N, C-alpha and C. Protein backbone atom coordinates (compact mmCIF):
# COMPACT_ATOMS: atom_id res chain seq x y z
N MET A 1 -4.32 10.97 3.71
CA MET A 1 -3.02 11.61 4.05
C MET A 1 -2.00 11.46 2.93
N ALA A 2 -1.51 12.36 2.87
CA ALA A 2 -0.38 12.60 1.79
C ALA A 2 1.01 11.68 2.23
N ASN A 3 1.46 11.68 1.00
CA ASN A 3 2.80 10.61 0.81
C ASN A 3 3.75 11.88 1.35
N ILE A 4 4.65 11.82 2.61
CA ILE A 4 5.49 12.80 2.86
C ILE A 4 6.70 12.78 2.03
N ALA A 5 6.95 11.34 1.78
CA ALA A 5 8.27 10.82 1.38
C ALA A 5 8.08 11.08 0.03
N LYS A 6 9.41 11.53 -0.63
CA LYS A 6 9.32 11.37 -2.51
C LYS A 6 9.18 10.07 -2.61
N LEU A 7 8.54 9.81 -3.80
CA LEU A 7 8.36 8.29 -4.34
C LEU A 7 9.53 8.15 -5.30
N GLU A 8 9.94 7.17 -5.72
CA GLU A 8 10.76 6.62 -6.53
C GLU A 8 10.58 6.68 -7.96
N PHE A 9 9.02 6.23 -8.21
CA PHE A 9 8.32 6.73 -9.23
C PHE A 9 6.90 6.76 -9.03
N PRO A 10 5.95 6.74 -10.02
CA PRO A 10 4.72 7.43 -10.02
C PRO A 10 3.87 5.93 -9.34
N ALA A 11 3.19 6.41 -8.16
CA ALA A 11 2.07 5.45 -7.66
C ALA A 11 1.02 4.68 -8.41
N LEU A 12 0.73 3.71 -8.31
CA LEU A 12 -0.38 2.81 -8.96
C LEU A 12 -1.68 3.54 -8.81
N ASN A 13 -2.04 3.98 -9.94
CA ASN A 13 -3.46 4.48 -9.85
C ASN A 13 -4.54 3.51 -9.58
N ILE A 14 -5.65 4.42 -9.04
CA ILE A 14 -6.81 3.43 -8.40
C ILE A 14 -7.58 2.92 -9.92
N THR A 15 -7.25 3.33 -10.94
CA THR A 15 -7.80 2.57 -11.97
C THR A 15 -6.81 1.91 -12.56
N GLY A 16 -5.64 1.45 -12.63
CA GLY A 16 -4.72 0.69 -12.82
C GLY A 16 -4.23 0.90 -14.42
N ASP A 17 -4.26 2.34 -14.65
CA ASP A 17 -3.90 2.39 -16.05
C ASP A 17 -2.37 2.43 -16.04
N ASN A 18 -1.62 2.65 -15.36
CA ASN A 18 0.07 2.78 -15.02
C ASN A 18 0.01 1.27 -14.53
N TYR A 19 -0.19 0.19 -14.85
CA TYR A 19 -0.23 -0.84 -13.75
C TYR A 19 1.06 -1.58 -14.38
N MET A 20 1.21 -1.80 -15.94
CA MET A 20 2.41 -2.56 -16.43
C MET A 20 3.78 -1.71 -16.21
N SER A 21 3.86 -0.57 -16.08
CA SER A 21 5.09 0.28 -16.04
C SER A 21 5.39 0.15 -14.01
N TRP A 22 4.07 0.22 -13.79
CA TRP A 22 4.70 0.08 -11.94
C TRP A 22 4.92 -1.07 -11.56
N MET A 23 4.57 -2.20 -12.37
CA MET A 23 5.01 -3.39 -12.06
C MET A 23 6.30 -3.76 -12.35
N ALA A 24 6.73 -2.78 -13.27
CA ALA A 24 8.32 -3.09 -13.91
C ALA A 24 9.21 -2.33 -12.98
N HIS A 25 8.49 -1.25 -12.38
CA HIS A 25 9.30 -0.56 -11.40
C HIS A 25 9.62 -1.03 -10.00
N VAL A 26 8.43 -1.81 -9.58
CA VAL A 26 8.26 -2.72 -8.28
C VAL A 26 9.45 -3.40 -8.30
N LYS A 27 9.15 -4.15 -9.38
CA LYS A 27 10.04 -5.78 -9.06
C LYS A 27 11.95 -4.80 -9.21
N ARG A 28 11.86 -4.02 -10.05
CA ARG A 28 13.38 -3.60 -10.17
C ARG A 28 13.69 -3.05 -8.75
N HIS A 29 13.08 -2.10 -7.90
CA HIS A 29 13.40 -1.83 -6.53
C HIS A 29 13.28 -2.73 -5.63
N LEU A 30 12.37 -3.71 -5.76
CA LEU A 30 12.31 -4.75 -4.52
C LEU A 30 13.82 -5.67 -5.13
N LYS A 31 14.10 -5.62 -5.89
CA LYS A 31 15.13 -6.76 -6.22
C LYS A 31 16.52 -5.64 -6.13
N SER A 32 16.77 -4.48 -6.14
CA SER A 32 18.02 -3.66 -5.69
C SER A 32 17.74 -3.73 -4.03
N ARG A 33 16.87 -3.67 -3.44
CA ARG A 33 16.81 -3.77 -2.13
C ARG A 33 17.14 -5.38 -1.77
N GLY A 34 16.81 -6.24 -2.28
CA GLY A 34 17.18 -7.60 -1.70
C GLY A 34 15.77 -8.30 -1.56
N VAL A 35 15.08 -8.07 -1.60
CA VAL A 35 13.46 -8.30 -0.82
C VAL A 35 12.37 -8.64 -2.15
N LEU A 36 13.04 -9.23 -3.25
CA LEU A 36 12.31 -9.38 -4.45
C LEU A 36 11.15 -11.10 -3.99
N LYS A 37 12.19 -11.77 -3.43
CA LYS A 37 11.77 -13.03 -3.16
C LYS A 37 10.11 -12.93 -2.55
N THR A 38 9.96 -11.80 -1.60
CA THR A 38 8.86 -11.90 -0.83
C THR A 38 7.66 -11.69 -1.63
N ILE A 39 7.54 -11.28 -2.98
CA ILE A 39 6.50 -11.31 -3.60
C ILE A 39 6.19 -12.89 -4.41
N MET A 40 7.15 -13.69 -4.18
CA MET A 40 7.17 -14.70 -4.90
C MET A 40 6.27 -15.99 -4.60
N ASP A 41 5.66 -16.92 -5.18
CA ASP A 41 5.09 -18.06 -4.41
C ASP A 41 5.96 -18.88 -3.74
N GLY A 42 5.45 -19.42 -2.74
CA GLY A 42 6.33 -20.35 -1.57
C GLY A 42 7.43 -19.43 -1.22
N ASN A 43 7.56 -18.39 -0.78
CA ASN A 43 8.71 -17.56 -0.08
C ASN A 43 8.91 -18.36 1.37
N ASN A 44 10.05 -18.26 1.79
CA ASN A 44 10.29 -18.54 3.08
C ASN A 44 10.76 -17.49 3.65
N CYS A 45 10.59 -16.27 3.55
CA CYS A 45 11.25 -14.87 4.22
C CYS A 45 11.13 -14.64 5.51
N GLU A 46 12.12 -13.92 5.81
CA GLU A 46 12.37 -13.38 7.06
C GLU A 46 10.98 -11.99 7.37
N GLU A 47 10.63 -12.24 8.53
CA GLU A 47 9.32 -10.96 8.86
C GLU A 47 10.13 -9.46 8.40
N GLN A 48 11.21 -9.37 8.63
CA GLN A 48 11.81 -7.90 8.52
C GLN A 48 11.62 -7.80 7.07
N ASP A 49 12.33 -8.71 6.15
CA ASP A 49 12.09 -8.44 4.70
C ASP A 49 10.43 -8.36 4.22
N LYS A 50 9.98 -9.09 4.99
CA LYS A 50 8.25 -8.93 4.18
C LYS A 50 7.94 -7.55 4.73
N ALA A 51 8.00 -7.05 6.13
CA ALA A 51 7.62 -5.70 6.53
C ALA A 51 8.70 -4.42 5.28
N LYS A 52 9.79 -4.91 5.07
CA LYS A 52 10.48 -3.68 3.94
C LYS A 52 9.41 -3.85 3.08
N ALA A 53 9.11 -4.84 2.34
CA ALA A 53 8.48 -4.94 0.68
C ALA A 53 6.94 -4.64 1.21
N ASP A 54 6.34 -4.81 2.44
CA ASP A 54 5.17 -4.22 2.60
C ASP A 54 4.99 -2.74 2.60
N VAL A 55 5.88 -2.21 3.35
CA VAL A 55 5.93 -0.76 3.62
C VAL A 55 6.10 -0.50 2.08
N PHE A 56 7.22 -0.68 1.18
CA PHE A 56 7.53 -0.41 0.09
C PHE A 56 6.19 -0.49 -1.05
N LEU A 57 5.41 -1.46 -1.02
CA LEU A 57 4.30 -1.61 -1.97
C LEU A 57 3.03 -0.64 -1.40
N HIS A 58 2.93 -0.55 -0.19
CA HIS A 58 2.08 0.55 0.02
C HIS A 58 2.55 1.93 -0.08
N LYS A 59 3.51 2.48 0.19
CA LYS A 59 3.77 3.40 -0.18
C LYS A 59 3.74 3.73 -1.63
N HIS A 60 3.60 2.73 -2.66
CA HIS A 60 3.42 3.28 -4.25
C HIS A 60 2.20 2.81 -4.93
N ILE A 61 0.90 2.75 -3.95
CA ILE A 61 0.06 2.64 -4.44
C ILE A 61 -0.77 3.77 -4.27
N ASP A 62 -2.02 4.02 -4.62
CA ASP A 62 -2.79 5.27 -4.81
C ASP A 62 -3.31 5.02 -3.27
N GLU A 63 -3.92 6.12 -2.67
CA GLU A 63 -4.21 6.28 -1.13
C GLU A 63 -5.74 5.50 -0.86
N MET A 64 -6.40 5.86 -2.37
CA MET A 64 -7.78 4.45 -2.01
C MET A 64 -7.48 3.21 -1.90
N LEU A 65 -6.08 2.65 -2.84
CA LEU A 65 -5.88 1.11 -2.72
C LEU A 65 -5.13 0.92 -1.45
N GLN A 66 -4.56 1.94 -0.76
CA GLN A 66 -3.98 1.97 0.58
C GLN A 66 -4.92 1.76 1.29
N PHE A 67 -6.04 2.34 1.48
CA PHE A 67 -7.07 2.26 2.49
C PHE A 67 -7.65 0.79 2.09
N GLU A 68 -8.34 0.30 0.84
CA GLU A 68 -8.70 -0.97 0.48
C GLU A 68 -7.63 -2.10 1.23
N TYR A 69 -6.54 -1.79 1.02
CA TYR A 69 -5.46 -3.06 1.17
C TYR A 69 -4.92 -2.73 2.70
N SER A 70 -5.52 -1.82 3.55
CA SER A 70 -4.70 -1.56 4.45
C SER A 70 -4.59 -2.98 5.57
N ASN A 71 -5.56 -3.84 5.44
CA ASN A 71 -5.50 -4.96 6.44
C ASN A 71 -4.16 -5.89 6.03
N CYS A 72 -3.80 -6.25 4.70
CA CYS A 72 -2.99 -6.88 4.26
C CYS A 72 -1.63 -6.69 4.35
N GLU A 73 -1.25 -7.13 5.40
CA GLU A 73 0.34 -7.36 5.73
C GLU A 73 1.42 -8.13 5.00
N ASP A 74 0.77 -8.96 4.24
CA ASP A 74 2.06 -10.03 3.39
C ASP A 74 2.15 -9.57 2.08
N PRO A 75 3.49 -9.10 1.62
CA PRO A 75 3.37 -8.86 0.19
C PRO A 75 3.21 -9.58 -1.02
N HIS A 76 3.21 -10.59 -0.34
CA HIS A 76 2.88 -11.86 -1.43
C HIS A 76 1.34 -11.52 -1.98
N VAL A 77 0.46 -11.89 -0.80
CA VAL A 77 -0.87 -11.69 -0.89
C VAL A 77 -1.31 -10.12 -1.47
N LEU A 78 -0.86 -9.03 -1.39
CA LEU A 78 -0.96 -7.69 -1.79
C LEU A 78 -0.62 -7.96 -3.51
N TRP A 79 0.86 -8.47 -3.68
CA TRP A 79 0.69 -8.62 -4.88
C TRP A 79 0.24 -9.15 -5.93
N LYS A 80 -0.13 -10.43 -5.32
CA LYS A 80 -1.33 -11.30 -6.13
C LYS A 80 -2.56 -10.90 -6.24
N ASP A 81 -3.33 -9.67 -5.25
CA ASP A 81 -4.29 -9.39 -5.40
C ASP A 81 -4.28 -8.36 -6.23
N LEU A 82 -3.24 -7.62 -6.47
CA LEU A 82 -3.21 -6.26 -7.39
C LEU A 82 -3.16 -6.81 -8.68
N LYS A 83 -2.41 -7.85 -8.78
CA LYS A 83 -2.14 -8.63 -10.33
C LYS A 83 -3.62 -9.00 -10.79
N ASN A 84 -4.37 -9.98 -9.87
CA ASN A 84 -5.53 -10.24 -10.19
C ASN A 84 -6.28 -9.03 -10.53
N ARG A 85 -6.28 -7.85 -10.06
CA ARG A 85 -7.30 -6.99 -10.39
C ARG A 85 -7.07 -6.32 -11.44
N PHE A 86 -5.35 -5.69 -11.84
CA PHE A 86 -5.42 -5.07 -12.87
C PHE A 86 -4.38 -5.37 -14.10
N ASP A 87 -3.76 -6.77 -13.88
CA ASP A 87 -3.16 -7.58 -15.01
C ASP A 87 -4.04 -7.84 -16.34
N HIS A 88 -5.14 -7.72 -16.43
CA HIS A 88 -5.73 -7.99 -17.60
C HIS A 88 -5.67 -7.21 -18.48
N GLN A 89 -5.26 -5.97 -18.19
CA GLN A 89 -4.91 -4.87 -19.21
C GLN A 89 -4.42 -5.12 -20.65
N ARG A 90 -3.41 -6.31 -20.50
CA ARG A 90 -2.47 -6.58 -21.65
C ARG A 90 -3.67 -7.36 -22.32
N GLU A 91 -4.66 -7.76 -22.21
CA GLU A 91 -5.71 -8.72 -23.09
C GLU A 91 -6.39 -7.47 -23.89
N VAL A 92 -6.52 -6.48 -22.83
CA VAL A 92 -7.56 -5.21 -23.39
C VAL A 92 -7.07 -4.42 -24.49
N LEU A 93 -5.64 -4.04 -23.77
CA LEU A 93 -5.02 -2.52 -24.07
C LEU A 93 -4.17 -3.17 -25.83
N LEU A 94 -3.47 -4.20 -25.83
CA LEU A 94 -2.64 -4.78 -26.73
C LEU A 94 -3.50 -4.92 -28.19
N PRO A 95 -4.82 -5.67 -28.16
CA PRO A 95 -5.33 -5.78 -29.34
C PRO A 95 -5.83 -4.29 -29.77
N THR A 96 -6.09 -3.22 -29.17
CA THR A 96 -6.40 -2.23 -29.50
C THR A 96 -5.34 -1.47 -30.04
N ALA A 97 -4.27 -1.67 -29.46
CA ALA A 97 -3.18 -0.96 -29.88
C ALA A 97 -2.67 -1.23 -31.19
N ARG A 98 -2.55 -2.72 -31.58
CA ARG A 98 -2.28 -3.10 -32.67
C ARG A 98 -3.43 -2.52 -33.82
N ASP A 99 -4.48 -2.60 -33.62
CA ASP A 99 -5.54 -2.06 -34.59
C ASP A 99 -5.24 -0.71 -34.70
N GLU A 100 -5.02 0.19 -33.72
CA GLU A 100 -4.61 1.57 -34.28
C GLU A 100 -3.21 1.79 -34.76
N TRP A 101 -2.10 1.00 -34.71
CA TRP A 101 -1.06 1.05 -35.26
C TRP A 101 -1.22 0.57 -36.73
N ASN A 102 -2.07 -0.56 -37.13
CA ASN A 102 -2.22 -0.97 -38.56
C ASN A 102 -3.03 0.14 -39.16
N ASN A 103 -4.14 1.07 -38.62
CA ASN A 103 -4.68 1.79 -39.26
C ASN A 103 -3.57 3.45 -39.63
N LEU A 104 -2.72 3.58 -38.63
CA LEU A 104 -2.04 4.32 -38.91
C LEU A 104 -0.90 4.16 -40.06
N ARG A 105 -0.47 2.86 -40.08
CA ARG A 105 0.50 2.49 -41.04
C ARG A 105 -0.11 2.70 -42.20
N PHE A 106 -1.65 2.59 -42.44
CA PHE A 106 -2.24 2.40 -43.78
C PHE A 106 -2.58 3.93 -44.26
N GLN A 107 -2.52 4.76 -43.12
CA GLN A 107 -3.03 6.40 -43.59
C GLN A 107 -1.54 6.66 -43.99
N ASP A 108 -0.37 6.35 -43.95
CA ASP A 108 0.84 6.99 -44.61
C ASP A 108 1.27 6.55 -46.05
N PHE A 109 0.38 5.87 -46.41
CA PHE A 109 0.64 5.20 -47.62
C PHE A 109 -0.22 6.35 -48.79
N LYS A 110 0.61 7.17 -49.84
CA LYS A 110 0.37 7.91 -50.58
C LYS A 110 0.04 7.07 -51.99
N LYS A 111 -1.18 7.30 -52.56
CA LYS A 111 -2.03 6.53 -53.52
C LYS A 111 -1.90 7.39 -54.77
């Protein structure tokens, strides 16, 4: 099923390549809608706020992820599951990026 409504930002890929930028976008949009507290630990939110956040999160993830997490109705649980699944990228990508930067920097020197 294709997303008919236009997305505010790109959806989270099934591979999680864009997780870091997606997470920042989601936090900003949930804060602007006044439902950021629904993804935080120990929240005591109204069901209406949880439903708004849940719809927003499901709308901005890949179709296969939507299918996988279709039974998850609590935005906090969904947020925590996605974080456990994709948040390791900082540990994987950062050392590689630093190494590439160091190699690139040394290539610029003329001897």
